[in-house]
Amino acid sequence: MKDRNDELEARLVAWAKEYGEGNGPGIGWSGQNLLQTLVDHRGFVPNSRGYVPVPIHTGADEVETIVRGMESAGWFRHGRALRCDYYRPNISIEQRLQMMRRIGLPMSRAGYYDYLAQAKAFVAGALFRKHAA
């Protein structure tokens, strides 16, 4: 069981590194400003479609697909709590709750941790069900 928990944590951290902080869809607020976008794209502002990465099907892509599926299947709060927790690991719980309120998802501290635990269980189920088959 510990190996699965360690693997899940490693997968979520890798996902956040690849998709977090302005690299992915975010959790409802801007992750990067125009100046950073100009630096990232060497002076060119990307078109209205935004940056479209080359699909290479990394482990982070697999997690992102699962999280998007979770959010579209009615587990939106869960997905946003997961994104908030992993995309912004160095902020306090009060700041996380404030960010969630800012995007229209007010919740208590206990509710946040419940959504987070359920989201992690959802992702683990989807990841490890594939590997067990």
Protein backbone atom coordinates (compact mmCIF):
# COMPACT_ATOMS: atom_id res chain seq x y z
CA MET A 1 0.00 0.00 0.00
CA LYS A 2 2.82 2.37 0.86
CA ASP A 3 4.37 1.81 -2.57
CA ARG A 4 1.08 2.84 -4.25
CA ASN A 5 0.82 5.95 -2.07
CA ASP A 6 4.42 6.89 -2.86
CA GLU A 7 3.84 6.29 -6.57
CA LEU A 8 0.64 8.36 -6.51
CA GLU A 9 2.39 11.22 -4.73
CA ALA A 10 5.29 11.14 -7.21
CA ARG A 11 2.85 11.14 -10.15
CA LEU A 12 0.90 14.08 -8.73
CA VAL A 13 4.07 16.08 -8.05
CA ALA A 14 5.31 15.42 -11.61
CA TRP A 15 1.88 16.42 -12.97
CA ALA A 16 1.93 19.67 -11.01
CA LYS A 17 5.44 20.44 -12.19
CA GLU A 18 4.43 19.98 -15.83
CA TYR A 19 0.95 21.53 -15.71
CA GLY A 20 1.04 23.91 -12.75
CA GLU A 21 1.99 27.57 -12.43
CA GLY A 22 0.75 28.72 -15.83
CA ASN A 23 1.78 25.62 -17.77
CA GLY A 24 -1.68 24.11 -17.93
CA PRO A 25 -5.32 25.05 -17.52
CA GLY A 26 -4.76 26.35 -14.00
CA ILE A 27 -7.33 26.37 -11.27
CA GLY A 28 -9.24 29.45 -12.27
CA TRP A 29 -6.79 32.32 -11.96
CA SER A 30 -3.88 33.56 -13.99
CA GLY A 31 -0.65 31.72 -13.35
CA GLN A 32 1.63 33.96 -15.31
CA ASN A 33 1.72 37.52 -16.55
CA LEU A 34 2.30 38.89 -20.05
CA LEU A 35 6.00 39.54 -19.40
CA GLN A 36 6.58 35.89 -18.45
CA THR A 37 4.65 34.79 -21.56
CA LEU A 38 6.92 36.96 -23.72
CA VAL A 39 10.01 35.47 -22.09
CA ASP A 40 8.71 31.91 -22.54
CA HIS A 41 7.88 32.49 -26.21
CA ARG A 42 11.00 34.51 -27.01
CA GLY A 43 9.24 37.80 -27.67
CA PHE A 44 6.17 36.52 -29.47
CA VAL A 45 2.71 36.54 -27.95
CA PRO A 46 0.98 33.26 -28.77
CA ASN A 47 -2.25 33.42 -30.77
CA SER A 48 -5.67 33.22 -29.16
CA ARG A 49 -5.50 29.43 -29.01
CA GLY A 50 -2.62 29.80 -26.59
CA TYR A 51 0.38 27.58 -26.40
CA VAL A 52 -0.36 24.11 -27.73
CA PRO A 53 2.36 21.69 -26.61
CA VAL A 54 3.40 18.74 -28.72
CA PRO A 55 1.55 15.71 -27.36
CA ILE A 56 4.11 13.29 -26.03
CA HIS A 57 1.91 11.31 -23.63
CA THR A 58 3.89 11.69 -20.43
CA GLY A 59 2.77 10.39 -17.07
CA ALA A 60 1.68 13.96 -16.29
CA ASP A 61 -0.51 13.92 -19.42
CA GLU A 62 -2.19 10.78 -18.10
CA VAL A 63 -2.89 12.43 -14.75
CA GLU A 64 -4.19 15.59 -16.46
CA THR A 65 -6.57 13.49 -18.56
CA ILE A 66 -7.87 11.80 -15.41
CA VAL A 67 -8.30 15.12 -13.56
CA ARG A 68 -10.13 16.71 -16.51
CA GLY A 69 -12.38 13.67 -16.72
CA MET A 70 -13.07 13.90 -13.00
CA GLU A 71 -13.95 17.59 -13.30
CA SER A 72 -16.26 17.04 -16.28
CA ALA A 73 -17.99 14.12 -14.54
CA GLY A 74 -19.30 16.32 -11.73
CA TRP A 75 -16.26 16.29 -9.47
CA PHE A 76 -15.25 19.86 -10.31
CA ARG A 77 -14.59 20.98 -6.72
CA HIS A 78 -12.45 17.90 -6.18
CA GLY A 79 -10.34 18.62 -9.24
CA ARG A 80 -9.87 22.26 -8.33
CA ALA A 81 -8.86 21.35 -4.77
CA LEU A 82 -6.31 18.90 -6.19
CA ARG A 83 -4.94 21.53 -8.59
CA CYS A 84 -4.79 24.12 -5.82
CA ASP A 85 -2.96 21.78 -3.46
CA TYR A 86 -0.37 20.57 -5.95
CA TYR A 87 0.03 23.66 -8.14
CA ARG A 88 0.62 25.88 -5.12
CA PRO A 89 2.32 23.64 -2.53
CA ASN A 90 4.03 26.42 -0.58
CA ILE A 91 1.01 28.49 0.42
CA SER A 92 -1.01 28.22 3.60
CA ILE A 93 -4.40 26.53 3.84
CA GLU A 94 -5.96 29.95 4.48
CA GLN A 95 -4.56 31.20 1.16
CA ARG A 96 -5.84 28.09 -0.60
CA LEU A 97 -9.31 28.56 0.82
CA GLN A 98 -9.22 32.22 -0.23
CA MET A 99 -8.21 31.19 -3.78
CA MET A 100 -11.05 28.70 -3.90
CA ARG A 101 -13.52 31.39 -2.77
CA ARG A 102 -12.12 33.74 -5.41
CA ILE A 103 -13.02 31.27 -8.17
CA GLY A 104 -16.52 30.75 -6.76
CA LEU A 105 -15.92 27.56 -4.78
CA PRO A 106 -16.21 28.50 -1.10
CA MET A 107 -15.53 25.66 1.30
CA SER A 108 -14.42 24.99 4.83
CA ARG A 109 -11.00 23.67 5.76
CA ALA A 110 -12.50 20.23 6.46
CA GLY A 111 -14.38 20.33 3.15
CA TYR A 112 -11.19 21.21 1.28
CA TYR A 113 -9.34 18.25 2.77
CA ASP A 114 -12.31 15.94 2.07
CA TYR A 115 -12.41 17.03 -1.59
CA LEU A 116 -8.64 16.60 -1.81
CA ALA A 117 -8.67 13.08 -0.33
CA GLN A 118 -11.53 12.02 -2.62
CA ALA A 119 -9.76 13.49 -5.67
CA LYS A 120 -6.56 11.62 -4.83
CA ALA A 121 -8.55 8.39 -4.43
CA PHE A 122 -10.22 9.01 -7.80
CA VAL A 123 -6.86 9.56 -9.52
CA ALA A 124 -5.31 6.53 -7.79
CA GLY A 125 -8.23 4.35 -8.84
CA ALA A 126 -7.94 5.45 -12.45
CA LEU A 127 -4.16 5.09 -12.58
CA PHE A 128 -3.79 1.78 -10.80
CA ARG A 129 -6.87 0.13 -12.30
CA LYS A 130 -5.18 0.44 -15.70
CA HIS A 131 -1.94 -1.03 -14.41
CA ALA A 132 -3.63 -3.90 -12.57
CA ALA A 133 -5.50 -5.11 -15.66
